[in-house]
């Protein structure tokens, strides 16, 4: 995965994160989108509504960067 420096992360707009209020899970490239999916269930302190919105942002970013998403819902993440 591409590493983001603190400075680069701070320069990202809030809408470039799956969880913008918390500034968690950046979505600015394919590697970060895959990471956001893999770490989705590790984000703590967010509501189901925030997860629904984050999942929509992840799916849009995945489409933009050509990342295949097998899960239909965030509730399926990690349920192999």
PDB file of N, CA and C in Angstrom:
ATOM      1  N   UNK A   1       0.836  -1.174   0.000  1.00  0.00           N
ATOM      2  CA  UNK A   1       0.000   0.000   0.000  1.00  0.00           C
ATOM      3  C   UNK A   1       0.881   1.237   0.000  1.00  0.00           C
ATOM      4  N   UNK A   2       0.409   2.253  -0.653  1.00  0.00           N
ATOM      5  CA  UNK A   2       1.108   3.518  -0.690  1.00  0.00           C
ATOM      6  C   UNK A   2       0.993   4.196   0.668  1.00  0.00           C
ATOM      7  N   UNK A   3       2.136   4.592   1.225  1.00  0.00           N
ATOM      8  CA  UNK A   3       2.137   5.272   2.515  1.00  0.00           C
ATOM      9  C   UNK A   3       1.834   6.753   2.322  1.00  0.00           C
ATOM     10  N   UNK A   4       1.041   7.295   3.214  1.00  0.00           N
ATOM     11  CA  UNK A   4       0.764   8.729   3.222  1.00  0.00           C
ATOM     12  C   UNK A   4       1.499   9.345   4.395  1.00  0.00           C
ATOM     13  N   UNK A   5       2.224  10.398   4.127  1.00  0.00           N
ATOM     14  CA  UNK A   5       2.841  11.119   5.233  1.00  0.00           C
ATOM     15  C   UNK A   5       1.737  11.865   5.979  1.00  0.00           C
ATOM     16  N   UNK A   6       2.015  12.266   7.185  1.00  0.00           N
ATOM     17  CA  UNK A   6       1.044  13.033   7.964  1.00  0.00           C
ATOM     18  C   UNK A   6       0.667  14.305   7.216  1.00  0.00           C
ATOM     19  N   UNK A   7       1.649  14.939   6.622  1.00  0.00           N
ATOM     20  CA  UNK A   7       1.392  16.174   5.870  1.00  0.00           C
ATOM     21  C   UNK A   7       0.467  15.906   4.683  1.00  0.00           C
ATOM     22  N   UNK A   8       0.746  14.839   3.919  1.00  0.00           N
ATOM     23  CA  UNK A   8      -0.102  14.509   2.765  1.00  0.00           C
ATOM     24  C   UNK A   8      -1.515  14.154   3.208  1.00  0.00           C
ATOM     25  N   UNK A   9      -1.619  13.407   4.296  1.00  0.00           N
ATOM     26  CA  UNK A   9      -2.930  13.016   4.823  1.00  0.00           C
ATOM     27  C   UNK A   9      -3.720  14.250   5.252  1.00  0.00           C
ATOM     28  N   UNK A  10      -3.043  15.188   5.901  1.00  0.00           N
ATOM     29  CA  UNK A  10      -3.707  16.408   6.364  1.00  0.00           C
ATOM     30  C   UNK A  10      -4.184  17.271   5.198  1.00  0.00           C
ATOM     31  N   UNK A  11      -3.539  17.147   4.043  1.00  0.00           N
ATOM     32  CA  UNK A  11      -3.914  17.947   2.882  1.00  0.00           C
ATOM     33  C   UNK A  11      -5.108  17.374   2.115  1.00  0.00           C
ATOM     34  N   UNK A  12      -5.466  16.123   2.394  1.00  0.00           N
ATOM     35  CA  UNK A  12      -6.608  15.521   1.705  1.00  0.00           C
ATOM     36  C   UNK A  12      -7.900  16.183   2.160  1.00  0.00           C
ATOM     37  N   UNK A  13      -8.815  16.382   1.213  1.00  0.00           N
ATOM     38  CA  UNK A  13     -10.145  16.874   1.557  1.00  0.00           C
ATOM     39  C   UNK A  13     -10.880  15.803   2.339  1.00  0.00           C
ATOM     40  N   UNK A  14     -11.820  16.237   3.164  1.00  0.00           N
ATOM     41  CA  UNK A  14     -12.595  15.284   3.963  1.00  0.00           C
ATOM     42  C   UNK A  14     -13.321  14.266   3.095  1.00  0.00           C
ATOM     43  N   UNK A  15     -13.754  14.691   1.914  1.00  0.00           N
ATOM     44  CA  UNK A  15     -14.505  13.780   1.054  1.00  0.00           C
ATOM     45  C   UNK A  15     -13.627  12.709   0.408  1.00  0.00           C
ATOM     46  N   UNK A  16     -12.331  12.738   0.669  1.00  0.00           N
ATOM     47  CA  UNK A  16     -11.427  11.710   0.154  1.00  0.00           C
ATOM     48  C   UNK A  16     -11.206  10.584   1.164  1.00  0.00           C
ATOM     49  N   UNK A  17     -12.018  10.554   2.210  1.00  0.00           N
ATOM     50  CA  UNK A  17     -11.950   9.513   3.227  1.00  0.00           C
ATOM     51  C   UNK A  17     -13.260   8.741   3.246  1.00  0.00           C
ATOM     52  N   UNK A  18     -13.186   7.453   3.542  1.00  0.00           N
ATOM     53  CA  UNK A  18     -14.408   6.668   3.712  1.00  0.00           C
ATOM     54  C   UNK A  18     -15.209   7.209   4.892  1.00  0.00           C
ATOM     55  N   UNK A  19     -14.503   7.567   5.954  1.00  0.00           N
ATOM     56  CA  UNK A  19     -15.118   8.135   7.158  1.00  0.00           C
ATOM     57  C   UNK A  19     -14.599   9.558   7.320  1.00  0.00           C
ATOM     58  N   UNK A  20     -15.230  10.521   6.659  1.00  0.00           N
ATOM     59  CA  UNK A  20     -14.689  11.885   6.629  1.00  0.00           C
ATOM     60  C   UNK A  20     -14.639  12.588   7.980  1.00  0.00           C
ATOM     61  N   UNK A  21     -15.631  12.378   8.819  1.00  0.00           N
ATOM     62  CA  UNK A  21     -15.645  13.043  10.122  1.00  0.00           C
ATOM     63  C   UNK A  21     -14.441  12.617  10.960  1.00  0.00           C
ATOM     64  N   UNK A  22     -14.103  11.350  10.878  1.00  0.00           N
ATOM     65  CA  UNK A  22     -12.978  10.796  11.634  1.00  0.00           C
ATOM     66  C   UNK A  22     -11.663  10.885  10.854  1.00  0.00           C
ATOM     67  N   UNK A  23     -11.768  11.233   9.560  1.00  0.00           N
ATOM     68  CA  UNK A  23     -10.615  11.262   8.650  1.00  0.00           C
ATOM     69  C   UNK A  23      -9.902   9.906   8.647  1.00  0.00           C
ATOM     70  N   UNK A  24     -10.720   8.843   8.517  1.00  0.00           N
ATOM     71  CA  UNK A  24     -10.181   7.482   8.493  1.00  0.00           C
ATOM     72  C   UNK A  24     -10.434   6.844   7.148  1.00  0.00           C
ATOM     73  N   UNK A  25      -9.508   6.038   6.729  1.00  0.00           N
ATOM     74  CA  UNK A  25      -9.538   5.268   5.496  1.00  0.00           C
ATOM     75  C   UNK A  25      -9.573   6.165   4.254  1.00  0.00           C
ATOM     76  N   UNK A  26      -8.397   6.715   3.892  1.00  0.00           N
ATOM     77  CA  UNK A  26      -8.311   7.533   2.683  1.00  0.00           C
ATOM     78  C   UNK A  26      -8.643   6.701   1.439  1.00  0.00           C
ATOM     79  N   UNK A  27      -9.186   7.371   0.421  1.00  0.00           N
ATOM     80  CA  UNK A  27      -9.637   6.689  -0.800  1.00  0.00           C
ATOM     81  C   UNK A  27      -9.061   7.328  -2.052  1.00  0.00           C
ATOM     82  N   UNK A  28      -7.804   7.771  -2.012  1.00  0.00           N
ATOM     83  CA  UNK A  28      -7.278   8.530  -3.142  1.00  0.00           C
ATOM     84  C   UNK A  28      -6.573   7.677  -4.197  1.00  0.00           C
ATOM     85  N   UNK A  29      -6.505   6.365  -4.001  1.00  0.00           N
ATOM     86  CA  UNK A  29      -5.957   5.489  -5.048  1.00  0.00           C
ATOM     87  C   UNK A  29      -6.442   4.055  -4.816  1.00  0.00           C
ATOM     88  N   UNK A  30      -6.179   3.170  -5.770  1.00  0.00           N
ATOM     89  CA  UNK A  30      -6.686   1.794  -5.697  1.00  0.00           C
ATOM     90  C   UNK A  30      -6.170   1.046  -4.476  1.00  0.00           C
ATOM     91  N   UNK A  31      -4.921   1.245  -4.140  1.00  0.00           N
ATOM     92  CA  UNK A  31      -4.341   0.576  -2.980  1.00  0.00           C
ATOM     93  C   UNK A  31      -5.063   0.957  -1.697  1.00  0.00           C
ATOM     94  N   UNK A  32      -5.344   2.234  -1.543  1.00  0.00           N
ATOM     95  CA  UNK A  32      -6.037   2.682  -0.341  1.00  0.00           C
ATOM     96  C   UNK A  32      -7.493   2.224  -0.313  1.00  0.00           C
ATOM     97  N   UNK A  33      -8.117   2.112  -1.469  1.00  0.00           N
ATOM     98  CA  UNK A  33      -9.490   1.593  -1.522  1.00  0.00           C
ATOM     99  C   UNK A  33      -9.511   0.139  -1.047  1.00  0.00           C
ATOM    100  N   UNK A  34      -8.576  -0.665  -1.545  1.00  0.00           N
ATOM    101  CA  UNK A  34      -8.504  -2.070  -1.098  1.00  0.00           C
ATOM    102  C   UNK A  34      -8.250  -2.146   0.404  1.00  0.00           C
ATOM    103  N   UNK A  35      -7.391  -1.274   0.906  1.00  0.00           N
ATOM    104  CA  UNK A  35      -7.095  -1.247   2.331  1.00  0.00           C
ATOM    105  C   UNK A  35      -8.328  -0.821   3.139  1.00  0.00           C
ATOM    106  N   UNK A  36      -9.076   0.146   2.634  1.00  0.00           N
ATOM    107  CA  UNK A  36     -10.281   0.600   3.333  1.00  0.00           C
ATOM    108  C   UNK A  36     -11.291  -0.531   3.464  1.00  0.00           C
ATOM    109  N   UNK A  37     -11.392  -1.347   2.432  1.00  0.00           N
ATOM    110  CA  UNK A  37     -12.301  -2.498   2.500  1.00  0.00           C
ATOM    111  C   UNK A  37     -11.790  -3.505   3.525  1.00  0.00           C
ATOM    112  N   UNK A  38     -10.505  -3.812   3.469  1.00  0.00           N
ATOM    113  CA  UNK A  38      -9.927  -4.802   4.378  1.00  0.00           C
ATOM    114  C   UNK A  38     -10.020  -4.368   5.843  1.00  0.00           C
ATOM    115  N   UNK A  39      -9.916  -3.079   6.096  1.00  0.00           N
ATOM    116  CA  UNK A  39      -9.901  -2.577   7.473  1.00  0.00           C
ATOM    117  C   UNK A  39     -11.242  -2.011   7.913  1.00  0.00           C
ATOM    118  N   UNK A  40     -12.252  -2.142   7.096  1.00  0.00           N
ATOM    119  CA  UNK A  40     -13.547  -1.519   7.355  1.00  0.00           C
ATOM    120  C   UNK A  40     -14.071  -1.819   8.756  1.00  0.00           C
ATOM    121  N   UNK A  41     -14.025  -3.067   9.162  1.00  0.00           N
ATOM    122  CA  UNK A  41     -14.566  -3.460  10.468  1.00  0.00           C
ATOM    123  C   UNK A  41     -13.695  -3.033  11.643  1.00  0.00           C
ATOM    124  N   UNK A  42     -12.511  -2.520  11.376  1.00  0.00           N
ATOM    125  CA  UNK A  42     -11.625  -2.074  12.448  1.00  0.00           C
ATOM    126  C   UNK A  42     -11.911  -0.638  12.880  1.00  0.00           C
ATOM    127  N   UNK A  43     -12.718   0.083  12.115  1.00  0.00           N
ATOM    128  CA  UNK A  43     -13.051   1.464  12.466  1.00  0.00           C
ATOM    129  C   UNK A  43     -14.058   1.425  13.611  1.00  0.00           C
ATOM    130  N   UNK A  44     -13.723   2.068  14.705  1.00  0.00           N
ATOM    131  CA  UNK A  44     -14.555   2.065  15.915  1.00  0.00           C
ATOM    132  C   UNK A  44     -15.226   3.416  16.110  1.00  0.00           C
ATOM    133  N   UNK A  45     -16.314   3.407  16.849  1.00  0.00           N
ATOM    134  CA  UNK A  45     -16.973   4.639  17.236  1.00  0.00           C
ATOM    135  C   UNK A  45     -17.782   5.310  16.139  1.00  0.00           C
ATOM    136  N   UNK A  46     -18.270   4.517  15.169  1.00  0.00           N
ATOM    137  CA  UNK A  46     -19.110   5.078  14.112  1.00  0.00           C
ATOM    138  C   UNK A  46     -20.444   4.329  14.090  1.00  0.00           C
ATOM    139  N   UNK A  47     -21.477   5.025  13.673  1.00  0.00           N
ATOM    140  CA  UNK A  47     -22.817   4.439  13.629  1.00  0.00           C
ATOM    141  C   UNK A  47     -23.002   3.605  12.360  1.00  0.00           C
ATOM    142  N   UNK A  48     -24.076   2.839  12.333  1.00  0.00           N
ATOM    143  CA  UNK A  48     -24.401   2.078  11.125  1.00  0.00           C
ATOM    144  C   UNK A  48     -24.675   3.028   9.960  1.00  0.00           C
ATOM    145  N   UNK A  49     -25.283   4.177  10.238  1.00  0.00           N
ATOM    146  CA  UNK A  49     -25.521   5.173   9.192  1.00  0.00           C
ATOM    147  C   UNK A  49     -24.226   5.681   8.605  1.00  0.00           C
ATOM    148  N   UNK A  50     -23.240   5.926   9.463  1.00  0.00           N
ATOM    149  CA  UNK A  50     -21.928   6.371   8.986  1.00  0.00           C
ATOM    150  C   UNK A  50     -21.256   5.259   8.176  1.00  0.00           C
ATOM    151  N   UNK A  51     -21.448   4.019   8.594  1.00  0.00           N
ATOM    152  CA  UNK A  51     -20.894   2.886   7.836  1.00  0.00           C
ATOM    153  C   UNK A  51     -21.566   2.770   6.468  1.00  0.00           C
ATOM    154  N   UNK A  52     -22.887   2.970   6.427  1.00  0.00           N
ATOM    155  CA  UNK A  52     -23.599   2.937   5.138  1.00  0.00           C
ATOM    156  C   UNK A  52     -23.028   3.993   4.195  1.00  0.00           C
ATOM    157  N   UNK A  53     -22.842   5.203   4.699  1.00  0.00           N
ATOM    158  CA  UNK A  53     -22.306   6.303   3.874  1.00  0.00           C
ATOM    159  C   UNK A  53     -20.870   6.007   3.455  1.00  0.00           C
ATOM    160  N   UNK A  54     -20.074   5.471   4.376  1.00  0.00           N
ATOM    161  CA  UNK A  54     -18.680   5.129   4.060  1.00  0.00           C
ATOM    162  C   UNK A  54     -18.630   4.056   2.977  1.00  0.00           C
ATOM    163  N   UNK A  55     -19.516   3.076   3.069  1.00  0.00           N
ATOM    164  CA  UNK A  55     -19.531   1.996   2.081  1.00  0.00           C
ATOM    165  C   UNK A  55     -19.859   2.553   0.692  1.00  0.00           C
ATOM    166  N   UNK A  56     -20.778   3.506   0.620  1.00  0.00           N
ATOM    167  CA  UNK A  56     -21.097   4.137  -0.668  1.00  0.00           C
ATOM    168  C   UNK A  56     -19.875   4.860  -1.223  1.00  0.00           C
ATOM    169  N   UNK A  57     -19.135   5.559  -0.361  1.00  0.00           N
ATOM    170  CA  UNK A  57     -17.926   6.252  -0.816  1.00  0.00           C
ATOM    171  C   UNK A  57     -16.873   5.260  -1.287  1.00  0.00           C
ATOM    172  N   UNK A  58     -16.727   4.151  -0.569  1.00  0.00           N
ATOM    173  CA  UNK A  58     -15.758   3.117  -0.957  1.00  0.00           C
ATOM    174  C   UNK A  58     -16.144   2.521  -2.306  1.00  0.00           C
ATOM    175  N   UNK A  59     -17.417   2.197  -2.486  1.00  0.00           N
ATOM    176  CA  UNK A  59     -17.860   1.607  -3.760  1.00  0.00           C
ATOM    177  C   UNK A  59     -17.628   2.579  -4.922  1.00  0.00           C
ATOM    178  N   UNK A  60     -17.889   3.865  -4.712  1.00  0.00           N
ATOM    179  CA  UNK A  60     -17.660   4.858  -5.765  1.00  0.00           C
ATOM    180  C   UNK A  60     -16.172   4.962  -6.091  1.00  0.00           C
ATOM    181  N   UNK A  61     -15.325   4.977  -5.057  1.00  0.00           N
ATOM    182  CA  UNK A  61     -13.879   5.048  -5.274  1.00  0.00           C
ATOM    183  C   UNK A  61     -13.383   3.772  -5.951  1.00  0.00           C
ATOM    184  N   UNK A  62     -13.934   2.625  -5.570  1.00  0.00           N
ATOM    185  CA  UNK A  62     -13.534   1.357  -6.193  1.00  0.00           C
ATOM    186  C   UNK A  62     -13.848   1.385  -7.690  1.00  0.00           C
ATOM    187  N   UNK A  63     -15.010   1.891  -8.038  1.00  0.00           N
ATOM    188  CA  UNK A  63     -15.376   1.997  -9.452  1.00  0.00           C
ATOM    189  C   UNK A  63     -14.413   2.937 -10.182  1.00  0.00           C
ATOM    190  N   UNK A  64     -14.118   4.054  -9.560  1.00  0.00           N
ATOM    191  CA  UNK A  64     -13.219   5.050 -10.158  1.00  0.00           C
ATOM    192  C   UNK A  64     -11.833   4.470 -10.430  1.00  0.00           C
ATOM    193  N   UNK A  65     -11.310   3.672  -9.480  1.00  0.00           N
ATOM    194  CA  UNK A  65      -9.951   3.158  -9.594  1.00  0.00           C
ATOM    195  C   UNK A  65      -9.879   1.716 -10.101  1.00  0.00           C
ATOM    196  N   UNK A  66     -11.016   1.143 -10.502  1.00  0.00           N
ATOM    197  CA  UNK A  66     -11.017  -0.199 -11.073  1.00  0.00           C
ATOM    198  C   UNK A  66     -10.757  -1.304 -10.068  1.00  0.00           C
ATOM    199  N   UNK A  67     -11.226  -1.119  -8.845  1.00  0.00           N
ATOM    200  CA  UNK A  67     -11.052  -2.127  -7.796  1.00  0.00           C
ATOM    201  C   UNK A  67     -12.319  -2.975  -7.721  1.00  0.00           C
ATOM    202  N   UNK A  68     -12.156  -4.281  -7.811  1.00  0.00           N
ATOM    203  CA  UNK A  68     -13.298  -5.189  -7.726  1.00  0.00           C
ATOM    204  C   UNK A  68     -13.752  -5.324  -6.279  1.00  0.00           C
ATOM    205  N   UNK A  69     -15.044  -5.169  -6.061  1.00  0.00           N
ATOM    206  CA  UNK A  69     -15.637  -5.327  -4.726  1.00  0.00           C
ATOM    207  C   UNK A  69     -16.622  -6.484  -4.800  1.00  0.00           C
ATOM    208  N   UNK A  70     -16.358  -7.540  -4.050  1.00  0.00           N
ATOM    209  CA  UNK A  70     -17.214  -8.723  -4.082  1.00  0.00           C
ATOM    210  C   UNK A  70     -18.395  -8.610  -3.119  1.00  0.00           C
ATOM    211  N   UNK A  71     -18.223  -7.856  -2.062  1.00  0.00           N
ATOM    212  CA  UNK A  71     -19.274  -7.711  -1.061  1.00  0.00           C
ATOM    213  C   UNK A  71     -20.360  -6.765  -1.571  1.00  0.00           C
ATOM    214  N   UNK A  72     -21.613  -7.106  -1.327  1.00  0.00           N
ATOM    215  CA  UNK A  72     -22.732  -6.249  -1.716  1.00  0.00           C
ATOM    216  C   UNK A  72     -23.012  -5.197  -0.650  1.00  0.00           C
ATOM    217  N   UNK A  73     -22.618  -5.482   0.587  1.00  0.00           N
ATOM    218  CA  UNK A  73     -22.869  -4.605   1.720  1.00  0.00           C
ATOM    219  C   UNK A  73     -21.668  -4.638   2.646  1.00  0.00           C
ATOM    220  N   UNK A  74     -21.502  -3.579   3.429  1.00  0.00           N
ATOM    221  CA  UNK A  74     -20.397  -3.561   4.402  1.00  0.00           C
ATOM    222  C   UNK A  74     -20.578  -4.664   5.444  1.00  0.00           C
ATOM    223  N   UNK A  75     -21.794  -5.122   5.621  1.00  0.00           N
ATOM    224  CA  UNK A  75     -22.052  -6.191   6.607  1.00  0.00           C
ATOM    225  C   UNK A  75     -21.428  -7.521   6.183  1.00  0.00           C
ATOM    226  N   UNK A  76     -21.054  -7.643   4.910  1.00  0.00           N
ATOM    227  CA  UNK A  76     -20.425  -8.857   4.397  1.00  0.00           C
ATOM    228  C   UNK A  76     -18.898  -8.818   4.510  1.00  0.00           C
ATOM    229  N   UNK A  77     -18.332  -7.681   4.825  1.00  0.00           N
ATOM    230  CA  UNK A  77     -16.876  -7.548   4.902  1.00  0.00           C
ATOM    231  C   UNK A  77     -16.330  -8.443   6.012  1.00  0.00           C
ATOM    232  N   UNK A  78     -15.390  -9.282   5.661  1.00  0.00           N
ATOM    233  CA  UNK A  78     -14.750 -10.163   6.637  1.00  0.00           C
ATOM    234  C   UNK A  78     -15.545 -11.396   6.977  1.00  0.00           C
ATOM    235  N   UNK A  79     -16.633 -11.650   6.268  1.00  0.00           N
ATOM    236  CA  UNK A  79     -17.443 -12.839   6.517  1.00  0.00           C
ATOM    237  C   UNK A  79     -17.175 -13.899   5.464  1.00  0.00           C
ATOM    238  N   UNK A  80     -15.932 -14.358   5.424  1.00  0.00           N
ATOM    239  CA  UNK A  80     -15.557 -15.374   4.416  1.00  0.00           C
ATOM    240  C   UNK A  80     -16.022 -16.741   4.801  1.00  0.00           C
TER     241      UNK A  80
END
